[in-house]
Amino acid sequence: MEETEKMNSYTRERIILETNPRLMVHLKSAIVKIIILFLIIYFYSWIITMVVKLQTSLTDIVKLPLLSATTIIITILILALVIWVIWDLISWKFTKYMITNQRVLIQKGVMTKQRTYIHYEKIQDITVSQSLSERLFKSGDIEIFGGHEVTRLLLKNIPHPERIENMINQKIEGEDLEMERPPETSKTDKSIMAKHGEKFKK
C-alpha cells in the first residue's frame, strides 16, 4: 500500500491513498490455473505413454493420429493457461483504488481505461465483507452505495478494509486526512520570540 500526496493542478484533487487489490487474493483463479498447468506438465509423459498404448491397440481397428493430436492439444492448453495467468497479473497491475480528498475512485483496464467513482457527499451506505482467505491476507471487499440504487462502487480484495472504511467515513464527516504539521514560524516571529527570551534572560 502506497500513500501519496499527488496534486491535480486543475481540480486541486489530491490523492491521499493509492493501492492495488491484494495480489494473493485477487489472483485466486490464476493460482488454480498454475496448479492445473503444473499437473499437466507433471503428468505429460504419463499421458503420452497412455495415448501410445491406446493408439497401438486401436491401430488394427482404425488409424487415428492420437499421439500427434494429443501432443498438440496439451501444448495449446499449456500455452492458453500461461497466457491467461499473465493476463491476470497484468489486469491486477492496472487495477487501482484511490482515496482522494474529493471522492473514491476505481481505475482499471489494460487496453481501454475505465474509471468509476463516487463523491463523498453522495455516499449513503458502506458494506465491508471478508471471506476466510481474505481475513488471512488482511484484505476484503468494500461496497459503497450512493443516493440511487444503481450507484454502486465495489473495491474488491482491497488491503486493510477497516482502515479504508475509516478513511472514507472520516471524509464523509468532513475531516481532513492530512498529517498534522506544526505551523511554520516566520523569521519575524522567530526574531520576536528570540528578543522576548533575551529580555527574560536579562
C-alpha atoms as a PDB file:
ATOM      1  CA  MET A   1       0.000   0.000   0.000  1.00  0.00           C
ATOM      2  CA  GLU A   2       1.398   3.341  -1.023  1.00  0.00           C
ATOM      3  CA  GLU A   3       0.388   6.726   0.336  1.00  0.00           C
ATOM      4  CA  THR A   4       0.987   9.755  -1.816  1.00  0.00           C
ATOM      5  CA  GLU A   5       0.192  13.445  -1.928  1.00  0.00           C
ATOM      6  CA  LYS A   6      -0.206  13.976  -5.656  1.00  0.00           C
ATOM      7  CA  MET A   7      -1.905  17.159  -6.710  1.00  0.00           C
ATOM      8  CA  ASN A   8      -4.056  17.765  -9.793  1.00  0.00           C
ATOM      9  CA  SER A   9      -3.284  21.334 -10.847  1.00  0.00           C
ATOM     10  CA  TYR A  10      -6.709  21.810 -12.494  1.00  0.00           C
ATOM     11  CA  THR A  11      -9.158  20.386  -9.925  1.00  0.00           C
ATOM     12  CA  ARG A  12      -6.955  20.635  -6.820  1.00  0.00           C
ATOM     13  CA  GLU A  13      -7.749  16.984  -6.216  1.00  0.00           C
ATOM     14  CA  ARG A  14      -5.204  15.279  -4.005  1.00  0.00           C
ATOM     15  CA  ILE A  15      -4.699  11.521  -3.865  1.00  0.00           C
ATOM     16  CA  ILE A  16      -4.480  10.590  -0.192  1.00  0.00           C
ATOM     17  CA  LEU A  17      -4.061   6.853  -0.770  1.00  0.00           C
ATOM     18  CA  GLU A  18      -3.475   4.680  -3.840  1.00  0.00           C
ATOM     19  CA  THR A  19      -3.369   0.879  -3.799  1.00  0.00           C
ATOM     20  CA  ASN A  20      -3.926  -2.299  -5.826  1.00  0.00           C
ATOM     21  CA  PRO A  21      -6.115  -5.230  -4.820  1.00  0.00           C
ATOM     22  CA  ARG A  22      -4.351  -7.741  -2.557  1.00  0.00           C
ATOM     23  CA  LEU A  23      -2.311  -9.841  -5.024  1.00  0.00           C
ATOM     24  CA  MET A  24      -2.699 -13.315  -3.498  1.00  0.00           C
ATOM     25  CA  VAL A  25      -6.468 -12.947  -3.062  1.00  0.00           C
ATOM     26  CA  HIS A  26      -7.059 -11.214  -6.393  1.00  0.00           C
ATOM     27  CA  LEU A  27      -5.230 -13.984  -8.259  1.00  0.00           C
ATOM     28  CA  LYS A  28      -7.088 -16.940  -6.745  1.00  0.00           C
ATOM     29  CA  SER A  29      -8.214 -18.081 -10.196  1.00  0.00           C
ATOM     30  CA  ALA A  30      -4.667 -17.637 -11.517  1.00  0.00           C
ATOM     31  CA  ILE A  31      -3.333 -19.867  -8.731  1.00  0.00           C
ATOM     32  CA  VAL A  32      -5.814 -22.591  -9.751  1.00  0.00           C
ATOM     33  CA  LYS A  33      -4.632 -22.252 -13.351  1.00  0.00           C
ATOM     34  CA  ILE A  34      -0.989 -22.534 -12.272  1.00  0.00           C
ATOM     35  CA  ILE A  35      -1.790 -25.717 -10.311  1.00  0.00           C
ATOM     36  CA  ILE A  36      -3.535 -27.200 -13.369  1.00  0.00           C
ATOM     37  CA  LEU A  37      -0.553 -26.178 -15.509  1.00  0.00           C
ATOM     38  CA  PHE A  38       1.920 -27.944 -13.212  1.00  0.00           C
ATOM     39  CA  LEU A  39      -0.280 -31.045 -13.119  1.00  0.00           C
ATOM     40  CA  ILE A  40      -0.394 -31.180 -16.916  1.00  0.00           C
ATOM     41  CA  ILE A  41       3.387 -30.790 -17.163  1.00  0.00           C
ATOM     42  CA  TYR A  42       3.968 -33.340 -14.383  1.00  0.00           C
ATOM     43  CA  PHE A  43       1.701 -35.987 -15.963  1.00  0.00           C
ATOM     44  CA  TYR A  44       2.664 -35.126 -19.551  1.00  0.00           C
ATOM     45  CA  SER A  45       4.897 -38.186 -20.085  1.00  0.00           C
ATOM     46  CA  TRP A  46       2.305 -40.471 -18.468  1.00  0.00           C
ATOM     47  CA  ILE A  47      -0.453 -39.082 -20.717  1.00  0.00           C
ATOM     48  CA  ILE A  48       1.693 -39.587 -23.822  1.00  0.00           C
ATOM     49  CA  THR A  49       2.535 -43.162 -22.756  1.00  0.00           C
ATOM     50  CA  MET A  50      -1.157 -43.978 -22.274  1.00  0.00           C
ATOM     51  CA  VAL A  51      -2.017 -42.431 -25.645  1.00  0.00           C
ATOM     52  CA  VAL A  52       0.696 -44.507 -27.374  1.00  0.00           C
ATOM     53  CA  LYS A  53      -0.689 -47.695 -25.811  1.00  0.00           C
ATOM     54  CA  LEU A  54      -4.220 -46.724 -26.791  1.00  0.00           C
ATOM     55  CA  GLN A  55      -3.175 -45.886 -30.334  1.00  0.00           C
ATOM     56  CA  THR A  56      -1.319 -49.216 -30.659  1.00  0.00           C
ATOM     57  CA  SER A  57      -4.391 -51.123 -29.568  1.00  0.00           C
ATOM     58  CA  LEU A  58      -6.614 -49.208 -31.973  1.00  0.00           C
ATOM     59  CA  THR A  59      -4.298 -49.435 -34.975  1.00  0.00           C
ATOM     60  CA  ASP A  60      -5.910 -52.658 -36.172  1.00  0.00           C
ATOM     61  CA  ILE A  61      -9.377 -51.133 -35.976  1.00  0.00           C
ATOM     62  CA  VAL A  62      -8.915 -47.638 -37.297  1.00  0.00           C
ATOM     63  CA  LYS A  63      -5.981 -45.370 -37.995  1.00  0.00           C
ATOM     64  CA  LEU A  64      -6.114 -42.408 -35.629  1.00  0.00           C
ATOM     65  CA  PRO A  65      -3.307 -39.841 -35.144  1.00  0.00           C
ATOM     66  CA  LEU A  66      -3.909 -39.871 -31.404  1.00  0.00           C
ATOM     67  CA  LEU A  67      -0.333 -39.158 -30.381  1.00  0.00           C
ATOM     68  CA  SER A  68       0.144 -36.069 -32.525  1.00  0.00           C
ATOM     69  CA  ALA A  69      -3.358 -34.807 -31.762  1.00  0.00           C
ATOM     70  CA  THR A  70      -2.868 -35.260 -28.004  1.00  0.00           C
ATOM     71  CA  THR A  71       0.514 -33.503 -28.115  1.00  0.00           C
ATOM     72  CA  ILE A  72      -0.988 -30.547 -29.990  1.00  0.00           C
ATOM     73  CA  ILE A  73      -3.962 -30.302 -27.606  1.00  0.00           C
ATOM     74  CA  ILE A  74      -1.760 -30.400 -24.490  1.00  0.00           C
ATOM     75  CA  THR A  75       0.629 -27.805 -25.960  1.00  0.00           C
ATOM     76  CA  ILE A  76      -2.260 -25.470 -26.806  1.00  0.00           C
ATOM     77  CA  LEU A  77      -3.734 -25.968 -23.322  1.00  0.00           C
ATOM     78  CA  ILE A  78      -0.406 -25.149 -21.652  1.00  0.00           C
ATOM     79  CA  LEU A  79       0.067 -22.014 -23.764  1.00  0.00           C
ATOM     80  CA  ALA A  80      -3.525 -20.903 -23.075  1.00  0.00           C
ATOM     81  CA  LEU A  81      -3.060 -21.308 -19.313  1.00  0.00           C
ATOM     82  CA  VAL A  82       0.262 -19.415 -19.354  1.00  0.00           C
ATOM     83  CA  ILE A  83      -1.253 -16.523 -21.338  1.00  0.00           C
ATOM     84  CA  TRP A  84      -4.301 -16.493 -19.035  1.00  0.00           C
ATOM     85  CA  VAL A  85      -2.141 -16.274 -15.891  1.00  0.00           C
ATOM     86  CA  ILE A  86      -0.042 -13.474 -17.428  1.00  0.00           C
ATOM     87  CA  TRP A  87      -3.233 -11.604 -18.321  1.00  0.00           C
ATOM     88  CA  ASP A  88      -4.491 -11.944 -14.738  1.00  0.00           C
ATOM     89  CA  LEU A  89      -1.220 -10.435 -13.463  1.00  0.00           C
ATOM     90  CA  ILE A  90      -1.406  -7.560 -15.941  1.00  0.00           C
ATOM     91  CA  SER A  91      -5.057  -6.826 -15.069  1.00  0.00           C
ATOM     92  CA  TRP A  92      -4.113  -6.768 -11.362  1.00  0.00           C
ATOM     93  CA  LYS A  93      -1.304  -4.304 -12.081  1.00  0.00           C
ATOM     94  CA  PHE A  94      -3.692  -1.989 -13.930  1.00  0.00           C
ATOM     95  CA  THR A  95      -6.394  -2.068 -11.238  1.00  0.00           C
ATOM     96  CA  LYS A  96      -6.046   0.929  -8.902  1.00  0.00           C
ATOM     97  CA  TYR A  97      -8.118   2.029  -5.927  1.00  0.00           C
ATOM     98  CA  MET A  98      -7.753   5.685  -4.950  1.00  0.00           C
ATOM     99  CA  ILE A  99      -8.965   7.671  -1.964  1.00  0.00           C
ATOM    100  CA  THR A 100      -8.744  11.374  -2.760  1.00  0.00           C
ATOM    101  CA  ASN A 101      -9.825  14.468  -0.866  1.00  0.00           C
ATOM    102  CA  GLN A 102     -12.962  14.600  -3.057  1.00  0.00           C
ATOM    103  CA  ARG A 103     -14.014  11.060  -3.982  1.00  0.00           C
ATOM    104  CA  VAL A 104     -13.391   7.299  -4.010  1.00  0.00           C
ATOM    105  CA  LEU A 105     -12.168   6.170  -7.408  1.00  0.00           C
ATOM    106  CA  ILE A 106     -11.543   2.852  -9.182  1.00  0.00           C
ATOM    107  CA  GLN A 107      -9.354   2.836 -12.284  1.00  0.00           C
ATOM    108  CA  LYS A 108      -8.899  -0.337 -14.294  1.00  0.00           C
ATOM    109  CA  GLY A 109      -8.282  -1.565 -17.826  1.00  0.00           C
ATOM    110  CA  VAL A 110      -5.289  -2.643 -19.888  1.00  0.00           C
ATOM    111  CA  MET A 111      -6.352  -1.865 -23.441  1.00  0.00           C
ATOM    112  CA  THR A 112      -9.025   0.679 -22.537  1.00  0.00           C
ATOM    113  CA  LYS A 113      -9.168   2.669 -19.300  1.00  0.00           C
ATOM    114  CA  GLN A 114     -12.299   2.592 -17.167  1.00  0.00           C
ATOM    115  CA  ARG A 115     -12.810   4.995 -14.258  1.00  0.00           C
ATOM    116  CA  THR A 116     -15.658   4.678 -11.762  1.00  0.00           C
ATOM    117  CA  TYR A 117     -16.034   6.998  -8.796  1.00  0.00           C
ATOM    118  CA  ILE A 118     -18.381   8.414  -6.201  1.00  0.00           C
ATOM    119  CA  HIS A 119     -18.093  11.713  -4.328  1.00  0.00           C
ATOM    120  CA  TYR A 120     -18.226  11.659  -0.539  1.00  0.00           C
ATOM    121  CA  GLU A 121     -21.379  13.782  -0.299  1.00  0.00           C
ATOM    122  CA  LYS A 122     -23.266  11.183  -2.403  1.00  0.00           C
ATOM    123  CA  ILE A 123     -22.290   8.151  -0.295  1.00  0.00           C
ATOM    124  CA  GLN A 124     -25.278   6.748   1.602  1.00  0.00           C
ATOM    125  CA  ASP A 125     -24.004   3.425   2.899  1.00  0.00           C
ATOM    126  CA  ILE A 126     -20.858   1.275   3.118  1.00  0.00           C
ATOM    127  CA  THR A 127     -20.683  -2.510   3.441  1.00  0.00           C
ATOM    128  CA  VAL A 128     -17.478  -4.360   4.326  1.00  0.00           C
ATOM    129  CA  SER A 129     -17.212  -8.141   3.862  1.00  0.00           C
ATOM    130  CA  GLN A 130     -14.324 -10.578   4.352  1.00  0.00           C
ATOM    131  CA  SER A 131     -14.076 -14.245   3.428  1.00  0.00           C
ATOM    132  CA  LEU A 132     -11.772 -16.615   5.322  1.00  0.00           C
ATOM    133  CA  SER A 133      -8.998 -16.306   2.721  1.00  0.00           C
ATOM    134  CA  GLU A 134      -9.353 -12.506   2.713  1.00  0.00           C
ATOM    135  CA  ARG A 135      -9.039 -12.376   6.510  1.00  0.00           C
ATOM    136  CA  LEU A 136      -5.859 -14.463   6.292  1.00  0.00           C
ATOM    137  CA  PHE A 137      -4.325 -11.976   3.847  1.00  0.00           C
ATOM    138  CA  LYS A 138      -5.766  -8.882   5.613  1.00  0.00           C
ATOM    139  CA  SER A 139      -7.973  -7.887   2.703  1.00  0.00           C
ATOM    140  CA  GLY A 140     -11.682  -7.624   1.986  1.00  0.00           C
ATOM    141  CA  ASP A 141     -14.426  -6.141  -0.166  1.00  0.00           C
ATOM    142  CA  ILE A 142     -15.846  -2.664   0.386  1.00  0.00           C
ATOM    143  CA  GLU A 143     -19.164  -1.918  -1.298  1.00  0.00           C
ATOM    144  CA  ILE A 144     -20.161   1.740  -1.454  1.00  0.00           C
ATOM    145  CA  PHE A 145     -23.733   2.783  -2.225  1.00  0.00           C
ATOM    146  CA  GLY A 146     -24.788   6.188  -3.495  1.00  0.00           C
ATOM    147  CA  GLY A 147     -28.092   8.036  -3.420  1.00  0.00           C
ATOM    148  CA  HIS A 148     -29.567   5.980  -6.238  1.00  0.00           C
ATOM    149  CA  GLU A 149     -29.893   2.188  -6.316  1.00  0.00           C
ATOM    150  CA  VAL A 150     -27.781   1.949  -9.478  1.00  0.00           C
ATOM    151  CA  THR A 151     -24.897   3.877  -7.888  1.00  0.00           C
ATOM    152  CA  ARG A 152     -22.547   1.219  -6.533  1.00  0.00           C
ATOM    153  CA  LEU A 153     -18.795   1.046  -6.166  1.00  0.00           C
ATOM    154  CA  LEU A 154     -17.015  -2.215  -5.301  1.00  0.00           C
ATOM    155  CA  LEU A 155     -13.436  -2.177  -4.010  1.00  0.00           C
ATOM    156  CA  LYS A 156     -12.701  -5.890  -4.348  1.00  0.00           C
ATOM    157  CA  ASN A 157      -9.854  -7.557  -2.427  1.00  0.00           C
ATOM    158  CA  ILE A 158      -8.639  -4.225  -1.088  1.00  0.00           C
ATOM    159  CA  PRO A 159      -5.888  -4.379   1.574  1.00  0.00           C
ATOM    160  CA  HIS A 160      -6.804  -3.371   5.157  1.00  0.00           C
ATOM    161  CA  PRO A 161     -10.536  -2.759   4.503  1.00  0.00           C
ATOM    162  CA  GLU A 162     -11.206  -1.483   8.045  1.00  0.00           C
ATOM    163  CA  ARG A 163      -8.588   1.227   7.607  1.00  0.00           C
ATOM    164  CA  ILE A 164     -10.036   2.249   4.227  1.00  0.00           C
ATOM    165  CA  GLU A 165     -13.560   2.269   5.662  1.00  0.00           C
ATOM    166  CA  ASN A 166     -12.441   4.584   8.471  1.00  0.00           C
ATOM    167  CA  MET A 167     -10.751   6.919   5.989  1.00  0.00           C
ATOM    168  CA  ILE A 168     -13.916   7.109   3.857  1.00  0.00           C
ATOM    169  CA  ASN A 169     -16.096   7.739   6.938  1.00  0.00           C
ATOM    170  CA  GLN A 170     -13.743  10.497   8.061  1.00  0.00           C
ATOM    171  CA  LYS A 171     -14.007  12.200   4.673  1.00  0.00           C
ATOM    172  CA  ILE A 172     -17.802  11.849   4.710  1.00  0.00           C
ATOM    173  CA  GLU A 173     -17.781  13.630   8.071  1.00  0.00           C
ATOM    174  CA  GLY A 174     -15.587  16.332   6.539  1.00  0.00           C
ATOM    175  CA  GLU A 175     -12.421  15.518   8.448  1.00  0.00           C
ATOM    176  CA  ASP A 176      -9.047  16.305   6.908  1.00  0.00           C
ATOM    177  CA  LEU A 177      -6.900  13.204   6.474  1.00  0.00           C
ATOM    178  CA  GLU A 178      -3.656  15.111   6.067  1.00  0.00           C
ATOM    179  CA  MET A 179      -0.955  14.574   8.649  1.00  0.00           C
ATOM    180  CA  GLU A 180      -0.988  17.481  11.041  1.00  0.00           C
ATOM    181  CA  ARG A 181       2.089  19.603  10.571  1.00  0.00           C
ATOM    182  CA  PRO A 182       3.320  22.218  13.017  1.00  0.00           C
ATOM    183  CA  PRO A 183       2.708  25.736  11.677  1.00  0.00           C
ATOM    184  CA  GLU A 184       5.731  27.294  10.080  1.00  0.00           C
ATOM    185  CA  THR A 185       7.218  30.130  12.089  1.00  0.00           C
ATOM    186  CA  SER A 186       8.191  33.172  10.079  1.00  0.00           C
ATOM    187  CA  LYS A 187      11.508  34.938  10.511  1.00  0.00           C
ATOM    188  CA  THR A 188       9.705  37.907  12.113  1.00  0.00           C
ATOM    189  CA  ASP A 189       8.020  35.646  14.673  1.00  0.00           C
ATOM    190  CA  LYS A 190      11.360  33.954  15.383  1.00  0.00           C
ATOM    191  CA  SER A 191      13.079  37.303  15.983  1.00  0.00           C
ATOM    192  CA  ILE A 192      10.281  38.480  18.315  1.00  0.00           C
ATOM    193  CA  MET A 193      10.443  35.238  20.263  1.00  0.00           C
ATOM    194  CA  ALA A 194      14.232  35.484  20.464  1.00  0.00           C
ATOM    195  CA  LYS A 195      14.033  39.050  21.741  1.00  0.00           C
ATOM    196  CA  HIS A 196      11.372  38.045  24.250  1.00  0.00           C
ATOM    197  CA  GLY A 197      13.626  35.237  25.519  1.00  0.00           C
ATOM    198  CA  GLU A 198      16.616  37.513  25.803  1.00  0.00           C
ATOM    199  CA  LYS A 199      14.551  40.009  27.755  1.00  0.00           C
ATOM    200  CA  PHE A 200      13.770  37.436  30.424  1.00  0.00           C
ATOM    201  CA  LYS A 201      17.373  36.195  30.497  1.00  0.00           C
ATOM    202  CA  LYS A 202      18.477  39.686  31.418  1.00  0.00           C
END
